[in-house]
């Protein structure tokens, strides 16, 4: 019989990411060199597009 291999999931290292607060209950993580304001607007545009 063959043994079934378990999938290996690697979590991102939060030490290499910066947190961007969207609202009081939403936080996204982006790369350290990325623009937080641009990431916030892209996130909000994506969410608003899903609602429409």
Protein backbone atom coordinates (compact mmCIF):
# COMPACT_ATOMS: atom_id res chain seq x y z
CA UNK A 1 0.00 0.00 0.00
CA UNK A 2 1.05 3.55 -0.66
CA UNK A 3 0.99 6.12 2.09
CA UNK A 4 -0.95 9.27 1.35
CA UNK A 5 1.25 12.33 1.77
CA UNK A 6 -0.19 15.22 3.73
CA UNK A 7 -0.08 18.59 1.97
CA UNK A 8 2.42 21.05 3.41
CA UNK A 9 1.11 24.59 3.90
CA UNK A 10 3.65 27.29 4.59
CA UNK A 11 2.32 30.41 6.33
CA UNK A 12 3.79 33.77 5.34
CA UNK A 13 6.28 35.36 7.71
CA UNK A 14 4.49 38.38 9.22
CA UNK A 15 7.88 39.88 10.10
CA UNK A 16 8.42 40.52 6.38
CA UNK A 17 5.00 42.13 5.88
CA UNK A 18 3.42 45.41 6.99
CA UNK A 19 -0.12 45.73 8.24
CA UNK A 20 -2.59 48.11 6.60
CA UNK A 21 -5.74 48.93 8.58
CA UNK A 22 -8.80 49.15 6.33
CA UNK A 23 -11.43 49.67 9.03
CA UNK A 24 -11.89 48.70 12.68
CA UNK A 25 -12.22 44.99 11.85
CA UNK A 26 -10.18 44.56 8.64
CA UNK A 27 -6.41 44.43 8.41
CA UNK A 28 -4.47 43.37 5.30
CA UNK A 29 -0.78 42.56 5.06
CA UNK A 30 1.41 43.77 2.20
CA UNK A 31 5.12 43.69 1.35
CA UNK A 32 7.35 46.06 3.30
CA UNK A 33 8.22 48.26 0.31
CA UNK A 34 4.66 48.54 -1.07
CA UNK A 35 2.49 51.66 -0.86
CA UNK A 36 -0.13 51.24 1.91
CA UNK A 37 -2.54 53.84 0.47
CA UNK A 38 -2.53 52.17 -2.95
CA UNK A 39 -3.11 48.75 -1.36
CA UNK A 40 -6.04 50.13 0.65
CA UNK A 41 -7.71 51.66 -2.43
CA UNK A 42 -7.20 48.45 -4.45
CA UNK A 43 -8.76 46.41 -1.64
CA UNK A 44 -11.77 48.72 -1.35
CA UNK A 45 -12.28 48.77 -5.14
CA UNK A 46 -12.25 44.97 -5.23
CA UNK A 47 -14.77 44.70 -2.38
CA UNK A 48 -17.08 47.32 -3.94
CA UNK A 49 -16.91 45.53 -7.30
CA UNK A 50 -18.03 42.26 -5.67
CA UNK A 51 -21.05 43.99 -4.07
CA UNK A 52 -22.24 45.48 -7.37
